[in-house]
Protein backbone atom coordinates (compact mmCIF):
# COMPACT_ATOMS: atom_id res chain seq x y z
CA UNK A 1 -108.94 130.44 -25.85
CA UNK A 2 -105.39 128.43 -25.21
CA UNK A 3 -103.50 127.29 -28.17
CA UNK A 4 -103.98 123.55 -27.26
CA UNK A 5 -107.94 124.01 -27.76
CA UNK A 6 -109.66 123.86 -30.91
CA UNK A 7 -111.16 126.89 -32.55
CA UNK A 8 -114.80 126.75 -31.12
CA UNK A 9 -115.81 129.78 -32.71
CA UNK A 10 -118.99 128.04 -34.55
CA UNK A 11 -120.45 126.73 -31.33
CA UNK A 12 -120.31 129.80 -29.25
CA UNK A 13 -122.49 131.68 -28.61
CA UNK A 14 -126.58 131.03 -26.96
CA UNK A 15 -128.55 128.20 -28.54
CA UNK A 16 -131.22 129.68 -31.10
CA UNK A 17 -134.29 127.37 -31.37
CA UNK A 18 -136.44 127.00 -34.70
CA UNK A 19 -138.51 130.00 -35.31
CA UNK A 20 -136.69 132.38 -32.81
CA UNK A 21 -134.44 135.46 -34.27
CA UNK A 22 -130.71 135.51 -33.32
CA UNK A 23 -130.12 138.21 -30.97
CA UNK A 24 -129.52 141.33 -32.16
CA UNK A 25 -125.53 142.15 -32.37
CA UNK A 26 -124.14 138.79 -32.48
CA UNK A 27 -121.25 138.18 -34.34
CA UNK A 28 -118.94 135.87 -35.48
CA UNK A 29 -118.36 134.15 -39.48
CA UNK A 30 -121.52 131.93 -38.96
CA UNK A 31 -123.84 134.28 -37.37
CA UNK A 32 -126.61 135.71 -39.98
CA UNK A 33 -125.72 139.62 -41.15
CA UNK A 34 -127.05 142.08 -38.91
CA UNK A 35 -131.04 142.65 -39.98
CA UNK A 36 -131.45 139.24 -41.24
CA UNK A 37 -134.13 137.15 -39.28
CA UNK A 38 -134.03 133.30 -38.83
CA UNK A 39 -136.36 132.80 -42.00
CA UNK A 40 -133.91 134.62 -44.26
CA UNK A 41 -131.38 132.56 -42.80
CA UNK A 42 -132.65 129.28 -43.95
CA UNK A 43 -133.59 130.76 -47.48
CA UNK A 44 -130.01 131.75 -47.89
CA UNK A 45 -129.16 127.72 -46.87
CA UNK A 46 -131.85 126.43 -48.79
CA UNK A 47 -130.41 128.47 -51.87
CA UNK A 48 -126.87 127.30 -51.21
CA UNK A 49 -127.90 123.87 -50.93
CA UNK A 50 -129.63 124.29 -54.36
CA UNK A 51 -126.53 125.55 -56.14
CA UNK A 52 -124.06 122.69 -54.67
CA UNK A 53 -126.74 120.23 -55.51
CA UNK A 54 -127.00 121.86 -59.36
CA UNK A 55 -123.27 121.94 -59.49
CA UNK A 56 -123.32 117.93 -58.80
CA UNK A 57 -125.99 117.18 -61.13
CA UNK A 58 -124.07 119.21 -63.87
CA UNK A 59 -120.77 117.29 -62.72
CA UNK A 60 -122.72 113.98 -63.22
CA UNK A 61 -124.23 115.02 -66.81
CA UNK A 62 -121.05 115.85 -68.13
CA UNK A 63 -119.44 112.57 -66.82
CA UNK A 64 -122.43 110.80 -68.88
CA UNK A 65 -121.72 113.10 -71.63
CA UNK A 66 -118.02 112.34 -71.74
CA UNK A 67 -118.71 108.58 -71.16
CA UNK A 68 -121.38 108.47 -74.07
CA UNK A 69 -118.90 110.09 -76.20
CA UNK A 70 -115.97 107.66 -75.56
CA UNK A 71 -118.79 104.68 -76.12
CA UNK A 72 -119.52 105.88 -79.62
CA UNK A 73 -115.82 106.55 -80.15
CA UNK A 74 -115.17 102.38 -79.58
CA UNK A 75 -118.14 101.69 -81.52
CA UNK A 76 -117.18 103.61 -84.54
CA UNK A 77 -113.61 102.51 -84.34
CA UNK A 78 -114.80 98.65 -84.02
CA UNK A 79 -117.23 99.14 -86.70
CA UNK A 80 -114.20 100.72 -88.91
CA UNK A 81 -112.19 97.74 -87.94
CA UNK A 82 -114.73 95.24 -88.91
CA UNK A 83 -115.45 96.86 -92.26
CA UNK A 84 -111.64 97.16 -93.01
CA UNK A 85 -111.42 93.19 -92.26
CA UNK A 86 -114.22 92.67 -94.80
CA UNK A 87 -112.90 94.90 -97.33
CA UNK A 88 -109.57 93.18 -96.71
CA UNK A 89 -111.46 89.93 -97.71
CA UNK A 90 -113.25 91.05 -100.54
CA UNK A 91 -110.30 92.50 -102.01
CA UNK A 92 -108.23 89.17 -101.49
CA UNK A 93 -111.13 87.35 -102.92
CA UNK A 94 -112.44 88.99 -105.82
CA UNK A 95 -109.50 91.54 -106.67
CA UNK A 96 -106.09 90.45 -105.92
CA UNK A 97 -107.62 86.66 -106.25
CA UNK A 98 -107.67 87.20 -109.89
CA UNK A 99 -104.59 87.36 -112.00
CA UNK A 100 -103.70 91.15 -113.18
CA UNK A 101 -103.04 91.25 -116.79
CA UNK A 102 -99.19 91.05 -117.61
CA UNK A 103 -98.34 92.31 -121.36
CA UNK A 104 -94.63 91.37 -120.99
CA UNK A 105 -93.25 88.21 -121.93
CA UNK A 106 -93.22 86.07 -118.71
CA UNK A 107 -93.06 82.72 -117.33
CA UNK A 108 -96.42 81.60 -115.83
CA UNK A 109 -96.08 79.92 -112.19
CA UNK A 110 -98.14 77.37 -110.38
CA UNK A 111 -97.28 76.73 -107.00
CA UNK A 112 -97.25 72.88 -105.49
CA UNK A 113 -96.50 73.23 -102.22
CA UNK A 114 -97.17 71.14 -99.10
CA UNK A 115 -99.11 67.68 -99.21
CA UNK A 116 -101.27 66.99 -102.33
CA UNK A 117 -104.75 66.59 -100.79
CA UNK A 118 -108.52 67.26 -101.89
CA UNK A 119 -108.23 69.00 -98.41
CA UNK A 120 -104.93 71.24 -98.66
CA UNK A 121 -103.48 74.51 -100.55
CA UNK A 122 -102.28 71.82 -102.95
CA UNK A 123 -105.28 70.47 -104.23
CA UNK A 124 -106.08 68.96 -107.85
CA UNK A 125 -109.10 71.76 -108.04
CA UNK A 126 -106.67 74.37 -107.37
CA UNK A 127 -103.77 73.69 -109.32
CA UNK A 128 -105.54 72.71 -112.18
CA UNK A 129 -107.13 76.24 -112.26
CA UNK A 130 -103.48 77.74 -112.05
CA UNK A 131 -102.54 75.70 -115.14
CA UNK A 132 -105.41 76.67 -117.00
CA UNK A 133 -104.84 80.57 -116.34
CA UNK A 134 -101.19 80.24 -116.72
CA UNK A 135 -101.79 78.32 -120.16
CA UNK A 136 -104.29 81.00 -121.27
CA UNK A 137 -102.32 83.95 -120.76
CA UNK A 138 -101.06 85.04 -124.18
CA UNK A 139 -97.80 86.35 -123.10
CA UNK A 140 -96.80 83.60 -120.77
CA UNK A 141 -93.85 81.92 -122.77
CA UNK A 142 -94.12 78.64 -120.80
CA UNK A 143 -96.12 77.27 -117.68
CA UNK A 144 -93.85 76.29 -114.84
CA UNK A 145 -95.10 74.16 -111.79
CA UNK A 146 -92.79 74.97 -108.89
CA UNK A 147 -92.96 71.90 -106.67
CA UNK A 148 -92.12 71.56 -102.83
CA UNK A 149 -94.28 68.73 -101.95
CA UNK A 150 -93.56 65.16 -100.50
CA UNK A 151 -96.34 63.81 -102.37
CA UNK A 152 -99.78 63.09 -101.25
CA UNK A 153 -103.15 61.72 -102.79
CA UNK A 154 -103.21 59.14 -105.66
CA UNK A 155 -106.19 60.49 -107.02
CA UNK A 156 -105.21 64.11 -106.96
CA UNK A 157 -101.85 63.57 -108.26
CA UNK A 158 -103.34 61.88 -111.19
CA UNK A 159 -105.60 64.24 -111.93
CA UNK A 160 -102.86 66.56 -112.37
CA UNK A 161 -100.74 64.74 -114.23
CA UNK A 162 -103.59 64.21 -116.91
CA UNK A 163 -104.45 67.75 -116.76
CA UNK A 164 -100.85 68.56 -117.45
CA UNK A 165 -100.73 65.83 -120.43
CA UNK A 166 -103.85 67.47 -122.16
CA UNK A 167 -102.43 71.07 -122.07
CA UNK A 168 -99.16 69.80 -123.61
CA UNK A 169 -100.94 67.69 -126.08
CA UNK A 170 -102.18 70.95 -127.75
CA UNK A 171 -98.77 71.99 -128.28
CA UNK A 172 -98.82 75.86 -127.37
CA UNK A 173 -96.45 76.49 -124.82
CA UNK A 174 -94.31 74.13 -122.97
CA UNK A 175 -94.85 72.85 -119.31
CA UNK A 176 -91.97 72.57 -117.13
CA UNK A 177 -91.38 71.52 -113.68
CA UNK A 178 -88.80 73.16 -111.13
CA UNK A 179 -88.70 71.22 -107.85
CA UNK A 180 -87.11 73.10 -104.70
CA UNK A 181 -86.65 71.11 -101.57
CA UNK A 182 -88.35 68.14 -102.48
CA UNK A 183 -90.33 66.96 -105.19
CA UNK A 184 -91.33 63.15 -104.47
CA UNK A 185 -93.74 60.39 -104.75
CA UNK A 186 -97.48 62.13 -105.66
CA UNK A 187 -95.51 65.22 -106.29
CA UNK A 188 -92.68 63.48 -108.95
CA UNK A 189 -95.73 61.72 -110.12
CA UNK A 190 -97.18 65.40 -111.40
CA UNK A 191 -93.71 66.59 -112.37
CA UNK A 192 -93.31 63.59 -114.92
CA UNK A 193 -96.03 64.98 -116.78
CA UNK A 194 -94.06 68.06 -117.70
CA UNK A 195 -91.93 68.52 -120.90
CA UNK A 196 -88.43 68.61 -118.76
CA UNK A 197 -87.82 68.72 -114.98
CA UNK A 198 -85.49 70.73 -113.00
CA UNK A 199 -83.90 70.48 -109.50
CA UNK A 200 -81.34 71.62 -107.54
CA UNK A 201 -78.25 69.44 -106.79
CA UNK A 202 -79.44 68.68 -102.74
CA UNK A 203 -83.25 68.22 -103.69
CA UNK A 204 -85.03 65.35 -103.21
CA UNK A 205 -86.73 63.44 -106.05
CA UNK A 206 -88.16 60.21 -106.74
CA UNK A 207 -89.79 57.80 -104.23
CA UNK A 208 -91.87 56.21 -106.94
CA UNK A 209 -94.06 53.99 -104.61
CA UNK A 210 -97.07 53.67 -102.56
CA UNK A 211 -97.59 53.41 -99.04
CA UNK A 212 -100.26 52.46 -96.34
CA UNK A 213 -99.69 53.31 -92.58
CA UNK A 214 -101.63 51.89 -89.66
CA UNK A 215 -101.75 50.60 -86.27
CA UNK A 216 -102.41 47.21 -84.57
CA UNK A 217 -103.64 47.64 -81.42
CA UNK A 218 -105.92 44.93 -80.81
CA UNK A 219 -103.66 43.75 -77.98
CA UNK A 220 -103.66 47.10 -76.45
CA UNK A 221 -107.25 47.36 -75.70
CA UNK A 222 -107.26 43.52 -74.51
CA UNK A 223 -104.82 44.84 -71.79
CA UNK A 224 -106.91 48.09 -71.20
CA UNK A 225 -110.10 45.92 -70.86
CA UNK A 226 -111.97 48.03 -73.91
CA UNK A 227 -114.36 46.07 -75.78
CA UNK A 228 -114.30 47.07 -79.63
CA UNK A 229 -117.72 46.83 -80.61
CA UNK A 230 -118.09 46.92 -84.77
CA UNK A 231 -120.86 46.36 -86.94
CA UNK A 232 -120.62 45.91 -90.74
CA UNK A 233 -122.15 44.01 -93.77
CA UNK A 234 -119.90 42.36 -95.44
CA UNK A 235 -116.70 40.05 -94.46
CA UNK A 236 -114.16 42.32 -95.52
CA UNK A 237 -115.61 45.87 -94.76
CA UNK A 238 -113.73 46.17 -91.68
CA UNK A 239 -110.37 44.57 -92.55
CA UNK A 240 -108.71 47.78 -92.03
CA UNK A 241 -109.59 48.77 -88.73
CA UNK A 242 -106.32 48.87 -86.36
CA UNK A 243 -108.57 47.61 -83.64
CA UNK A 244 -108.52 44.00 -85.27
CA UNK A 245 -106.63 41.17 -86.71
CA UNK A 246 -106.26 41.10 -90.00
CA UNK A 247 -106.09 37.99 -92.11
CA UNK A 248 -103.81 36.39 -94.23
CA UNK A 249 -105.73 36.65 -97.19
CA UNK A 250 -107.18 39.99 -96.53
CA UNK A 251 -103.13 41.20 -95.99
CA UNK A 252 -102.68 39.64 -99.63
CA UNK A 253 -105.45 41.47 -101.11
CA UNK A 254 -103.96 44.57 -99.78
CA UNK A 255 -101.12 44.11 -100.94
CA UNK A 256 -102.22 43.42 -104.67
CA UNK A 257 -104.26 46.68 -104.16
CA UNK A 258 -100.99 48.60 -103.37
CA UNK A 259 -98.96 46.98 -106.37
CA UNK A 260 -101.40 48.03 -109.00
CA UNK A 261 -101.49 51.35 -107.79
CA UNK A 262 -97.64 51.09 -107.84
CA UNK A 263 -97.96 50.05 -111.56
CA UNK A 264 -100.47 53.02 -112.22
CA UNK A 265 -97.30 55.40 -111.32
CA UNK A 266 -94.59 53.34 -112.78
CA UNK A 267 -96.17 53.49 -115.64
CA UNK A 268 -97.15 57.35 -115.56
CA UNK A 269 -93.42 57.83 -114.98
CA UNK A 270 -92.63 55.88 -118.15
CA UNK A 271 -95.10 57.70 -120.29
CA UNK A 272 -93.59 61.16 -118.95
CA UNK A 273 -90.12 60.75 -119.15
CA UNK A 274 -89.80 58.01 -122.06
CA UNK A 275 -86.36 56.93 -123.13
CA UNK A 276 -84.87 59.58 -120.79
CA UNK A 277 -85.20 57.17 -117.76
CA UNK A 278 -82.12 54.94 -116.95
CA UNK A 279 -82.51 50.69 -116.56
CA UNK A 280 -81.58 51.15 -112.82
CA UNK A 281 -83.38 48.23 -111.17
CA UNK A 282 -83.72 50.43 -107.91
CA UNK A 283 -85.53 53.42 -110.12
CA UNK A 284 -89.10 52.32 -108.88
CA UNK A 285 -88.16 50.72 -105.59
CA UNK A 286 -89.60 53.54 -103.97
CA UNK A 287 -85.98 55.13 -102.89
CA UNK A 288 -85.64 58.98 -102.85
CA UNK A 289 -82.46 60.63 -104.67
CA UNK A 290 -80.71 64.02 -104.66
CA UNK A 291 -81.19 66.10 -107.75
CA UNK A 292 -77.74 65.21 -108.90
CA UNK A 293 -78.22 61.90 -108.48
CA UNK A 294 -81.55 62.31 -110.54
CA UNK A 295 -80.05 63.71 -113.61
CA UNK A 296 -77.89 60.69 -113.75
CA UNK A 297 -81.17 58.58 -113.68
CA UNK A 298 -83.14 60.32 -115.72
CA UNK A 299 -85.47 61.49 -113.42
CA UNK A 300 -84.36 65.15 -113.84
CA UNK A 301 -83.53 67.26 -117.06
CA UNK A 302 -81.36 69.46 -115.45
CA UNK A 303 -79.80 71.31 -112.22
CA UNK A 304 -81.71 74.65 -112.41
CA UNK A 305 -83.58 77.29 -110.21
CA UNK A 306 -86.72 78.72 -111.52
CA UNK A 307 -84.79 82.19 -111.71
CA UNK A 308 -82.15 80.58 -113.49
CA UNK A 309 -84.50 79.05 -115.94
CA UNK A 310 -85.91 82.31 -116.59
CA UNK A 311 -82.65 83.89 -117.25
CA UNK A 312 -81.57 81.15 -119.48
CA UNK A 313 -84.90 81.77 -121.67
CA UNK A 314 -84.03 85.22 -121.66
CA UNK A 315 -87.20 86.22 -119.39
CA UNK A 316 -87.01 88.87 -116.69
CA UNK A 317 -90.33 88.25 -114.96
CA UNK A 318 -92.14 86.11 -113.04
CA UNK A 319 -96.18 85.46 -112.73
CA UNK A 320 -97.84 83.61 -110.27
CA UNK A 321 -100.87 82.04 -111.57
CA UNK A 322 -101.95 80.11 -108.49
CA UNK A 323 -105.60 80.86 -107.04
CA UNK A 324 -105.39 82.83 -103.79
CA UNK A 325 -106.70 81.08 -100.68
CA UNK A 326 -109.42 82.55 -98.47
CA UNK A 327 -107.88 83.55 -95.35
CA UNK A 328 -110.64 82.36 -93.09
CA UNK A 329 -110.69 79.15 -95.09
CA UNK A 330 -106.98 78.96 -94.55
CA UNK A 331 -107.10 79.74 -91.13
CA UNK A 332 -109.89 76.57 -90.65
CA UNK A 333 -107.63 74.28 -92.79
CA UNK A 334 -104.60 75.25 -90.80
CA UNK A 335 -106.66 74.11 -87.43
CA UNK A 336 -108.09 71.41 -88.78
CA UNK A 337 -104.86 69.95 -89.94
CA UNK A 338 -103.25 70.62 -86.45
CA UNK A 339 -106.54 68.86 -84.59
CA UNK A 340 -106.09 65.80 -86.79
CA UNK A 341 -102.38 65.45 -86.44
CA UNK A 342 -102.86 66.16 -82.62
CA UNK A 343 -104.95 63.36 -82.25
CA UNK A 344 -103.52 60.92 -84.96
CA UNK A 345 -106.62 60.96 -87.01
CA UNK A 346 -105.79 60.56 -91.04
CA UNK A 347 -106.00 63.92 -92.93
CA UNK A 348 -107.30 62.34 -95.93
CA UNK A 349 -110.02 60.43 -97.53
CA UNK A 350 -107.85 57.82 -99.23
CA UNK A 351 -105.64 55.36 -97.34
CA UNK A 352 -103.32 55.22 -99.87
CA UNK A 353 -100.77 57.91 -100.11
CA UNK A 354 -97.93 58.66 -103.00
CA UNK A 355 -96.09 60.07 -100.39
CA UNK A 356 -92.12 60.16 -98.82
CA UNK A 357 -92.11 58.82 -95.34
């Protein structure tokens, strides 16, 4: 055989038809051993095929077992992850959400953070619950409202104000308000009910006023060729509709509502602050002041931080009594607020706001 030809040993030799025995003395790697007939050769081939099939089936079964093991592993992993999430949520709701008992003398802190609204973390229900928790704590030397809010709903602010006044009437412990970055409008309404108000020199305080904001879009929809269809029973039911013109008598009526609400705000501040207020005519004009200016106007009693107040009282420990929020509720509120801001929708049920703009 020449070097350039393939090794053709397996195809050389006489052809063997089915049922015939190979010629005696045939040699080569593919030939049957001496003394074996064609039937024996076929049986050997069948056994080899069966063995190969067994190995293939065994490999498939082994792969399936591995796949099942990984499937079970991931199922157990995700089940453990879900159980851990549920456990964390339940812990936050029923264990971490409850204030732990503190036996040492401390300041009971209640957070007023963000817009004051029934659907926000700074709702009257949540803040009032925190106030009562701190008030009932025997080792709490004082209740402190830590405020960082531009204001919000008049109704929510009034509810918190009245609850602070009710607690103060019991005379068990003082109630302080500490303003951080901002304590304006409805947030200052709340602070005015406290025994004393403290702020940083650069804090923003005051803004004692009422605001309602809207748009007049009646000409815009006319230019776009849009027809506005509003059905209402009552001549003035839809007078705040931004797509309809407002009559002069309706504007005067709404201004009276704003001035009445403003007067309620002024009376509450005067009741809470008393003779500490200055006679500056701009005090109730809606202007906002720095903390340093607030001291001069009687809106603030002193320039002090929460930690500084604690040191001044000789107290080393603070305890937050603000009820914790459900994580899922916090997430849905966040997305709801973002969606409302994106579409320009109001985020409160009341159109009136004690809020800095």
